[in-house]
Amino acid sequence: MPIHILPDTSRRVELHTKHEINEKIRAQTINHINQALEEDRGMITNRINQLDREWDTERLLETNATIFILISILLAVLFSFWWLLLAAGVAAFLLQHALQGWCPPLPVFRKMGKRTSYEISTEKTALKYLRGDFNFQSRDGEKIIRQCEVIDSKGDVR
């Protein structure tokens, strides 16, 4: 997949994540779906509710950036205005992430298995399928996840 200067919103984090990490996160999602095949509707609904509360990479990055900016402002007020350079740097990285999908903490979050909202939503859609919310039928996690992934105009999974 080529990396674009301003990639699609739903793909920008994955495009800047190592292939092996993306594959590990995907395999974990498929594993969750395969485990859900053995569960009843109530347990599947519980997992969907857990996913509704899962923090995605965006929320983690926004929280992380806000904490660093607030700390730098506090340090600037208490000690030296030079601490505002930290706030400016964090803001610049946050802008870079918004436009391109990368910033320094992102590889760490991804290595920890933190998912994008798209990845979380894909698992939720697959679980809703298993719960009977959709018409297509399968008992294979890979096929289910494929049905729930969005295919773009070029035929690439998004």
N, C-alpha and C. Protein backbone atom coordinates (compact mmCIF):
# COMPACT_ATOMS: atom_id res chain seq x y z
N MET A 1 0.83 -1.18 0.00
CA MET A 1 0.00 0.00 0.00
C MET A 1 0.88 1.25 0.00
N PRO A 2 0.71 2.13 -0.95
CA PRO A 2 1.52 3.35 -0.94
C PRO A 2 1.05 4.30 0.16
N ILE A 3 1.99 5.05 0.71
CA ILE A 3 1.64 6.04 1.73
C ILE A 3 1.43 7.37 1.04
N HIS A 4 0.27 7.95 1.25
CA HIS A 4 -0.07 9.22 0.65
C HIS A 4 0.22 10.34 1.65
N ILE A 5 0.46 11.54 1.13
CA ILE A 5 0.74 12.66 2.02
C ILE A 5 -0.44 12.91 2.95
N LEU A 6 -1.64 12.89 2.41
CA LEU A 6 -2.85 13.04 3.23
C LEU A 6 -3.74 11.81 2.99
N PRO A 7 -3.46 10.70 3.68
CA PRO A 7 -4.23 9.47 3.45
C PRO A 7 -5.66 9.57 3.98
N ASP A 8 -6.49 8.63 3.54
CA ASP A 8 -7.87 8.55 4.03
C ASP A 8 -7.89 8.47 5.55
N THR A 9 -8.86 9.09 6.16
CA THR A 9 -8.96 9.12 7.61
C THR A 9 -8.98 7.72 8.21
N SER A 10 -9.76 6.82 7.63
CA SER A 10 -9.91 5.49 8.24
C SER A 10 -8.65 4.65 8.10
N ARG A 11 -7.72 5.01 7.23
CA ARG A 11 -6.54 4.20 6.98
C ARG A 11 -5.24 4.82 7.46
N ARG A 12 -5.24 6.07 7.85
CA ARG A 12 -3.98 6.78 8.08
C ARG A 12 -3.12 6.18 9.18
N VAL A 13 -3.70 5.68 10.25
CA VAL A 13 -2.91 5.08 11.32
C VAL A 13 -2.32 3.74 10.87
N GLU A 14 -3.14 2.92 10.23
CA GLU A 14 -2.65 1.63 9.75
C GLU A 14 -1.52 1.79 8.72
N LEU A 15 -1.61 2.82 7.88
CA LEU A 15 -0.58 3.05 6.88
C LEU A 15 0.77 3.40 7.51
N HIS A 16 0.74 3.93 8.71
CA HIS A 16 1.97 4.32 9.40
C HIS A 16 2.33 3.34 10.52
N THR A 17 1.74 2.16 10.49
CA THR A 17 2.03 1.12 11.47
C THR A 17 2.72 -0.03 10.74
N LYS A 18 3.70 -0.62 11.39
CA LYS A 18 4.40 -1.76 10.79
C LYS A 18 3.40 -2.85 10.43
N HIS A 19 3.63 -3.48 9.29
CA HIS A 19 2.74 -4.53 8.78
C HIS A 19 2.53 -5.63 9.83
N GLU A 20 3.62 -6.03 10.50
CA GLU A 20 3.52 -7.12 11.48
C GLU A 20 2.59 -6.74 12.63
N ILE A 21 2.62 -5.48 13.04
CA ILE A 21 1.75 -5.03 14.14
C ILE A 21 0.30 -5.00 13.68
N ASN A 22 0.06 -4.48 12.46
CA ASN A 22 -1.30 -4.50 11.91
C ASN A 22 -1.83 -5.93 11.84
N GLU A 23 -1.00 -6.86 11.40
CA GLU A 23 -1.42 -8.25 11.28
C GLU A 23 -1.69 -8.86 12.66
N LYS A 24 -0.89 -8.51 13.65
CA LYS A 24 -1.11 -9.02 15.01
C LYS A 24 -2.45 -8.51 15.56
N ILE A 25 -2.72 -7.23 15.35
CA ILE A 25 -3.99 -6.64 15.82
C ILE A 25 -5.16 -7.30 15.09
N ARG A 26 -5.02 -7.50 13.79
CA ARG A 26 -6.07 -8.16 13.01
C ARG A 26 -6.29 -9.59 13.49
N ALA A 27 -5.21 -10.32 13.75
CA ALA A 27 -5.32 -11.71 14.22
C ALA A 27 -6.03 -11.76 15.58
N GLN A 28 -5.74 -10.79 16.45
CA GLN A 28 -6.42 -10.75 17.75
C GLN A 28 -7.91 -10.51 17.56
N THR A 29 -8.25 -9.64 16.62
CA THR A 29 -9.67 -9.37 16.34
C THR A 29 -10.35 -10.64 15.82
N ILE A 30 -9.72 -11.33 14.90
CA ILE A 30 -10.29 -12.58 14.37
C ILE A 30 -10.42 -13.61 15.48
N ASN A 31 -9.45 -13.65 16.37
CA ASN A 31 -9.52 -14.56 17.52
C ASN A 31 -10.73 -14.23 18.40
N HIS A 32 -10.98 -12.94 18.64
CA HIS A 32 -12.16 -12.54 19.42
C HIS A 32 -13.44 -13.01 18.73
N ILE A 33 -13.48 -12.87 17.40
CA ILE A 33 -14.67 -13.29 16.65
C ILE A 33 -14.85 -14.80 16.77
N ASN A 34 -13.75 -15.54 16.61
CA ASN A 34 -13.84 -17.01 16.70
C ASN A 34 -14.26 -17.44 18.10
N GLN A 35 -13.80 -16.75 19.14
CA GLN A 35 -14.23 -17.06 20.51
C GLN A 35 -15.72 -16.80 20.67
N ALA A 36 -16.19 -15.72 20.04
CA ALA A 36 -17.60 -15.36 20.16
C ALA A 36 -18.51 -16.39 19.49
N LEU A 37 -17.96 -17.17 18.56
CA LEU A 37 -18.76 -18.21 17.91
C LEU A 37 -19.29 -19.21 18.93
N GLU A 38 -18.60 -19.34 20.04
CA GLU A 38 -18.99 -20.29 21.09
C GLU A 38 -19.88 -19.66 22.16
N GLU A 39 -20.12 -18.37 22.05
CA GLU A 39 -20.86 -17.64 23.09
C GLU A 39 -22.33 -17.49 22.73
N ASP A 40 -23.13 -17.20 23.76
CA ASP A 40 -24.54 -16.91 23.52
C ASP A 40 -24.72 -15.42 23.23
N ARG A 41 -25.94 -15.06 22.85
CA ARG A 41 -26.23 -13.67 22.46
C ARG A 41 -25.89 -12.68 23.58
N GLY A 42 -26.14 -13.06 24.81
CA GLY A 42 -25.87 -12.17 25.94
C GLY A 42 -24.38 -11.85 26.08
N MET A 43 -23.55 -12.88 25.92
CA MET A 43 -22.10 -12.68 26.02
C MET A 43 -21.60 -11.83 24.86
N ILE A 44 -22.17 -12.04 23.68
CA ILE A 44 -21.78 -11.24 22.52
C ILE A 44 -22.18 -9.78 22.75
N THR A 45 -23.36 -9.56 23.30
CA THR A 45 -23.80 -8.19 23.62
C THR A 45 -22.87 -7.57 24.65
N ASN A 46 -22.44 -8.34 25.64
CA ASN A 46 -21.48 -7.82 26.63
C ASN A 46 -20.18 -7.40 25.97
N ARG A 47 -19.69 -8.20 25.01
CA ARG A 47 -18.44 -7.86 24.31
C ARG A 47 -18.64 -6.59 23.48
N ILE A 48 -19.78 -6.45 22.84
CA ILE A 48 -20.07 -5.23 22.08
C ILE A 48 -20.05 -4.02 23.01
N ASN A 49 -20.63 -4.18 24.21
CA ASN A 49 -20.62 -3.09 25.18
C ASN A 49 -19.20 -2.76 25.64
N GLN A 50 -18.35 -3.79 25.79
CA GLN A 50 -16.94 -3.54 26.12
C GLN A 50 -16.27 -2.75 25.01
N LEU A 51 -16.54 -3.11 23.78
CA LEU A 51 -15.94 -2.41 22.65
C LEU A 51 -16.38 -0.96 22.58
N ASP A 52 -17.63 -0.69 23.01
CA ASP A 52 -18.10 0.70 23.04
C ASP A 52 -17.28 1.55 24.01
N ARG A 53 -16.68 0.90 25.01
CA ARG A 53 -15.88 1.63 26.01
C ARG A 53 -14.38 1.58 25.71
N GLU A 54 -13.97 0.80 24.72
CA GLU A 54 -12.53 0.69 24.41
C GLU A 54 -12.00 2.01 23.84
N TRP A 55 -10.87 2.45 24.38
CA TRP A 55 -10.26 3.67 23.89
C TRP A 55 -9.50 3.38 22.61
N ASP A 56 -9.79 4.14 21.56
CA ASP A 56 -9.07 3.97 20.31
C ASP A 56 -7.81 4.85 20.30
N THR A 57 -7.01 4.70 19.24
CA THR A 57 -5.75 5.44 19.17
C THR A 57 -5.98 6.95 19.20
N GLU A 58 -7.04 7.42 18.59
CA GLU A 58 -7.31 8.86 18.57
C GLU A 58 -7.52 9.40 19.98
N ARG A 59 -8.34 8.70 20.74
CA ARG A 59 -8.64 9.15 22.09
C ARG A 59 -7.38 9.12 22.96
N LEU A 60 -6.57 8.07 22.81
CA LEU A 60 -5.32 7.99 23.56
C LEU A 60 -4.37 9.14 23.20
N LEU A 61 -4.24 9.39 21.90
CA LEU A 61 -3.34 10.46 21.46
C LEU A 61 -3.83 11.83 21.91
N GLU A 62 -5.12 12.08 21.81
CA GLU A 62 -5.68 13.36 22.25
C GLU A 62 -5.47 13.57 23.74
N THR A 63 -5.70 12.52 24.52
CA THR A 63 -5.50 12.61 25.97
C THR A 63 -4.03 12.83 26.30
N ASN A 64 -3.17 12.06 25.66
CA ASN A 64 -1.73 12.18 25.86
C ASN A 64 -1.24 13.60 25.53
N ALA A 65 -1.66 14.11 24.38
CA ALA A 65 -1.25 15.45 23.97
C ALA A 65 -1.76 16.52 24.93
N THR A 66 -2.99 16.39 25.35
CA THR A 66 -3.57 17.37 26.27
C THR A 66 -2.81 17.40 27.59
N ILE A 67 -2.47 16.25 28.11
CA ILE A 67 -1.71 16.19 29.37
C ILE A 67 -0.37 16.88 29.22
N PHE A 68 0.35 16.58 28.13
CA PHE A 68 1.65 17.21 27.91
C PHE A 68 1.54 18.72 27.73
N ILE A 69 0.53 19.18 27.02
CA ILE A 69 0.34 20.63 26.82
C ILE A 69 0.02 21.30 28.14
N LEU A 70 -0.88 20.71 28.93
CA LEU A 70 -1.22 21.32 30.23
C LEU A 70 -0.01 21.35 31.17
N ILE A 71 0.77 20.28 31.18
CA ILE A 71 1.98 20.25 32.01
C ILE A 71 2.96 21.32 31.56
N SER A 72 3.13 21.46 30.25
CA SER A 72 4.08 22.47 29.76
C SER A 72 3.61 23.89 30.09
N ILE A 73 2.32 24.13 30.03
CA ILE A 73 1.80 25.45 30.41
C ILE A 73 2.04 25.70 31.89
N LEU A 74 1.77 24.71 32.72
CA LEU A 74 2.01 24.85 34.15
C LEU A 74 3.49 25.13 34.42
N LEU A 75 4.37 24.38 33.78
CA LEU A 75 5.82 24.59 33.96
C LEU A 75 6.25 25.96 33.45
N ALA A 76 5.61 26.44 32.37
CA ALA A 76 5.93 27.78 31.85
C ALA A 76 5.52 28.85 32.85
N VAL A 77 4.37 28.68 33.47
CA VAL A 77 3.90 29.66 34.46
C VAL A 77 4.78 29.63 35.71
N LEU A 78 5.15 28.44 36.15
CA LEU A 78 5.92 28.31 37.40
C LEU A 78 7.41 28.59 37.24
N PHE A 79 7.99 28.23 36.08
CA PHE A 79 9.44 28.27 35.98
C PHE A 79 9.96 29.14 34.83
N SER A 80 9.59 28.83 33.62
CA SER A 80 10.14 29.55 32.48
C SER A 80 9.21 29.41 31.28
N PHE A 81 9.11 30.51 30.54
CA PHE A 81 8.26 30.47 29.35
C PHE A 81 8.83 29.55 28.27
N TRP A 82 10.08 29.13 28.40
CA TRP A 82 10.69 28.19 27.47
C TRP A 82 9.94 26.85 27.45
N TRP A 83 9.24 26.54 28.53
CA TRP A 83 8.48 25.29 28.57
C TRP A 83 7.34 25.29 27.54
N LEU A 84 6.98 26.47 27.05
CA LEU A 84 5.93 26.54 26.03
C LEU A 84 6.39 25.88 24.72
N LEU A 85 7.70 25.74 24.56
CA LEU A 85 8.21 25.03 23.38
C LEU A 85 7.73 23.57 23.38
N LEU A 86 7.61 22.99 24.55
CA LEU A 86 7.08 21.63 24.65
C LEU A 86 5.64 21.59 24.15
N ALA A 87 4.85 22.56 24.57
CA ALA A 87 3.45 22.63 24.12
C ALA A 87 3.39 22.82 22.60
N ALA A 88 4.27 23.66 22.08
CA ALA A 88 4.30 23.88 20.63
C ALA A 88 4.69 22.60 19.89
N GLY A 89 5.67 21.87 20.42
CA GLY A 89 6.08 20.62 19.80
C GLY A 89 4.97 19.58 19.81
N VAL A 90 4.29 19.46 20.93
CA VAL A 90 3.18 18.51 21.03
C VAL A 90 2.07 18.90 20.06
N ALA A 91 1.76 20.19 19.98
CA ALA A 91 0.73 20.65 19.05
C ALA A 91 1.13 20.35 17.60
N ALA A 92 2.41 20.52 17.28
CA ALA A 92 2.88 20.23 15.92
C ALA A 92 2.73 18.73 15.61
N PHE A 93 3.09 17.88 16.57
CA PHE A 93 2.93 16.45 16.34
C PHE A 93 1.46 16.06 16.25
N LEU A 94 0.61 16.71 17.01
CA LEU A 94 -0.82 16.43 16.94
C LEU A 94 -1.37 16.82 15.57
N LEU A 95 -0.91 17.95 15.05
CA LEU A 95 -1.31 18.37 13.71
C LEU A 95 -0.81 17.36 12.67
N GLN A 96 0.43 16.92 12.81
CA GLN A 96 0.97 15.93 11.89
C GLN A 96 0.12 14.65 11.92
N HIS A 97 -0.28 14.25 13.11
CA HIS A 97 -1.12 13.06 13.21
C HIS A 97 -2.47 13.29 12.54
N ALA A 98 -3.06 14.45 12.77
CA ALA A 98 -4.37 14.74 12.17
C ALA A 98 -4.30 14.70 10.64
N LEU A 99 -3.20 15.17 10.09
CA LEU A 99 -3.08 15.22 8.63
C LEU A 99 -2.56 13.91 8.03
N GLN A 100 -1.57 13.30 8.67
CA GLN A 100 -0.91 12.15 8.07
C GLN A 100 -1.15 10.82 8.80
N GLY A 101 -1.54 10.87 10.05
CA GLY A 101 -1.79 9.64 10.78
C GLY A 101 -0.61 9.12 11.55
N TRP A 102 0.41 9.95 11.78
CA TRP A 102 1.57 9.51 12.54
C TRP A 102 1.97 10.59 13.53
N CYS A 103 2.46 10.17 14.69
CA CYS A 103 3.12 11.03 15.67
C CYS A 103 3.92 10.11 16.59
N PRO A 104 4.87 10.65 17.36
CA PRO A 104 5.79 9.80 18.13
C PRO A 104 5.16 8.74 19.03
N PRO A 105 4.08 9.01 19.76
CA PRO A 105 3.56 7.94 20.63
C PRO A 105 2.80 6.84 19.89
N LEU A 106 2.42 7.10 18.65
CA LEU A 106 1.59 6.14 17.93
C LEU A 106 2.22 4.75 17.81
N PRO A 107 3.49 4.61 17.42
CA PRO A 107 4.07 3.26 17.35
C PRO A 107 4.02 2.52 18.68
N VAL A 108 4.17 3.24 19.77
CA VAL A 108 4.11 2.62 21.10
C VAL A 108 2.69 2.12 21.37
N PHE A 109 1.69 2.96 21.10
CA PHE A 109 0.30 2.55 21.31
C PHE A 109 -0.06 1.35 20.46
N ARG A 110 0.37 1.36 19.19
CA ARG A 110 0.05 0.26 18.30
C ARG A 110 0.73 -1.03 18.75
N LYS A 111 1.98 -0.92 19.20
CA LYS A 111 2.70 -2.10 19.68
C LYS A 111 1.99 -2.67 20.91
N MET A 112 1.34 -1.80 21.69
CA MET A 112 0.57 -2.25 22.86
C MET A 112 -0.76 -2.87 22.44
N GLY A 113 -1.06 -2.83 21.14
CA GLY A 113 -2.30 -3.43 20.64
C GLY A 113 -3.48 -2.49 20.59
N LYS A 114 -3.24 -1.20 20.77
CA LYS A 114 -4.33 -0.23 20.73
C LYS A 114 -4.82 -0.09 19.29
N ARG A 115 -6.13 -0.12 19.14
CA ARG A 115 -6.73 -0.15 17.82
C ARG A 115 -7.34 1.19 17.43
N THR A 116 -7.52 1.35 16.12
CA THR A 116 -8.21 2.53 15.60
C THR A 116 -9.71 2.34 15.81
N SER A 117 -10.45 3.42 15.68
CA SER A 117 -11.90 3.30 15.80
C SER A 117 -12.45 2.40 14.70
N TYR A 118 -11.83 2.42 13.53
CA TYR A 118 -12.26 1.55 12.43
C TYR A 118 -12.08 0.08 12.81
N GLU A 119 -10.95 -0.25 13.40
CA GLU A 119 -10.69 -1.65 13.79
C GLU A 119 -11.67 -2.11 14.87
N ILE A 120 -11.96 -1.23 15.81
CA ILE A 120 -12.93 -1.56 16.86
C ILE A 120 -14.32 -1.73 16.25
N SER A 121 -14.68 -0.82 15.37
CA SER A 121 -15.99 -0.87 14.72
C SER A 121 -16.16 -2.14 13.88
N THR A 122 -15.07 -2.57 13.23
CA THR A 122 -15.14 -3.79 12.43
C THR A 122 -15.45 -4.99 13.31
N GLU A 123 -14.80 -5.07 14.48
CA GLU A 123 -15.11 -6.17 15.39
C GLU A 123 -16.55 -6.09 15.86
N LYS A 124 -17.02 -4.89 16.19
CA LYS A 124 -18.41 -4.74 16.63
C LYS A 124 -19.39 -5.19 15.55
N THR A 125 -19.10 -4.84 14.30
CA THR A 125 -19.97 -5.25 13.20
C THR A 125 -19.99 -6.77 13.07
N ALA A 126 -18.82 -7.39 13.18
CA ALA A 126 -18.74 -8.85 13.09
C ALA A 126 -19.54 -9.50 14.23
N LEU A 127 -19.44 -8.94 15.43
CA LEU A 127 -20.19 -9.49 16.56
C LEU A 127 -21.70 -9.32 16.37
N LYS A 128 -22.08 -8.20 15.80
CA LYS A 128 -23.50 -7.99 15.51
C LYS A 128 -24.00 -9.00 14.49
N TYR A 129 -23.13 -9.32 13.54
CA TYR A 129 -23.46 -10.37 12.58
C TYR A 129 -23.70 -11.70 13.31
N LEU A 130 -22.78 -12.05 14.19
CA LEU A 130 -22.91 -13.32 14.93
C LEU A 130 -24.17 -13.33 15.80
N ARG A 131 -24.53 -12.18 16.30
CA ARG A 131 -25.72 -12.08 17.14
C ARG A 131 -27.00 -12.23 16.33
N GLY A 132 -26.84 -12.15 14.99
CA GLY A 132 -28.01 -12.32 14.12
C GLY A 132 -28.58 -11.03 13.59
N ASP A 133 -27.81 -9.96 13.69
CA ASP A 133 -28.31 -8.66 13.24
C ASP A 133 -28.28 -8.51 11.71
N PHE A 134 -27.59 -9.42 10.99
CA PHE A 134 -27.46 -9.32 9.53
C PHE A 134 -27.92 -10.62 8.89
N ASN A 135 -28.06 -10.60 7.55
CA ASN A 135 -28.59 -11.75 6.81
C ASN A 135 -27.54 -12.76 6.36
N PHE A 136 -26.30 -12.34 6.04
CA PHE A 136 -25.33 -13.31 5.52
C PHE A 136 -24.89 -14.26 6.63
N GLN A 137 -24.52 -15.47 6.24
CA GLN A 137 -24.20 -16.51 7.23
C GLN A 137 -22.83 -17.11 6.98
N SER A 138 -22.08 -17.34 8.04
CA SER A 138 -20.81 -18.06 8.00
C SER A 138 -20.45 -18.44 9.42
N ARG A 139 -19.57 -19.43 9.56
CA ARG A 139 -19.07 -19.83 10.88
C ARG A 139 -17.55 -19.72 10.91
N ASP A 140 -16.99 -18.87 10.05
CA ASP A 140 -15.54 -18.70 9.95
C ASP A 140 -15.19 -17.25 10.23
N GLY A 141 -14.34 -17.02 11.26
CA GLY A 141 -13.99 -15.65 11.65
C GLY A 141 -13.40 -14.83 10.53
N GLU A 142 -12.55 -15.43 9.70
CA GLU A 142 -11.93 -14.71 8.59
C GLU A 142 -12.98 -14.25 7.58
N LYS A 143 -13.92 -15.13 7.23
CA LYS A 143 -14.97 -14.76 6.28
C LYS A 143 -15.89 -13.69 6.88
N ILE A 144 -16.17 -13.81 8.16
CA ILE A 144 -17.04 -12.84 8.82
C ILE A 144 -16.39 -11.47 8.80
N ILE A 145 -15.10 -11.41 9.18
CA ILE A 145 -14.43 -10.11 9.24
C ILE A 145 -14.33 -9.51 7.84
N ARG A 146 -14.14 -10.34 6.82
CA ARG A 146 -14.09 -9.85 5.43
C ARG A 146 -15.43 -9.23 5.04
N GLN A 147 -16.53 -9.84 5.46
CA GLN A 147 -17.85 -9.31 5.15
C GLN A 147 -18.09 -7.96 5.82
N CYS A 148 -17.44 -7.76 6.96
CA CYS A 148 -17.67 -6.54 7.73
C CYS A 148 -16.71 -5.42 7.39
N GLU A 149 -15.63 -5.73 6.70
CA GLU A 149 -14.67 -4.70 6.31
C GLU A 149 -15.20 -3.96 5.09
N VAL A 150 -14.86 -2.69 5.02
CA VAL A 150 -15.26 -1.87 3.89
C VAL A 150 -14.23 -2.05 2.79
N ILE A 151 -14.69 -2.28 1.58
CA ILE A 151 -13.81 -2.41 0.43
C ILE A 151 -13.89 -1.10 -0.35
N ASP A 152 -12.72 -0.47 -0.61
CA ASP A 152 -12.75 0.80 -1.34
C ASP A 152 -12.85 0.56 -2.84
N SER A 153 -12.89 1.63 -3.61
CA SER A 153 -13.11 1.54 -5.04
C SER A 153 -12.00 0.80 -5.78
N LYS A 154 -10.81 0.69 -5.18
CA LYS A 154 -9.68 -0.01 -5.79
C LYS A 154 -9.67 -1.48 -5.40
N GLY A 155 -10.60 -1.90 -4.57
CA GLY A 155 -10.64 -3.28 -4.13
C GLY A 155 -9.80 -3.55 -2.89
N ASP A 156 -9.25 -2.50 -2.29
CA ASP A 156 -8.45 -2.65 -1.07
C ASP A 156 -9.35 -2.64 0.15
N VAL A 157 -8.99 -3.47 1.14
CA VAL A 157 -9.73 -3.45 2.40
C VAL A 157 -9.42 -2.15 3.10
N ARG A 158 -10.45 -1.47 3.58
CA ARG A 158 -10.24 -0.18 4.27
C ARG A 158 -10.47 -0.35 5.74
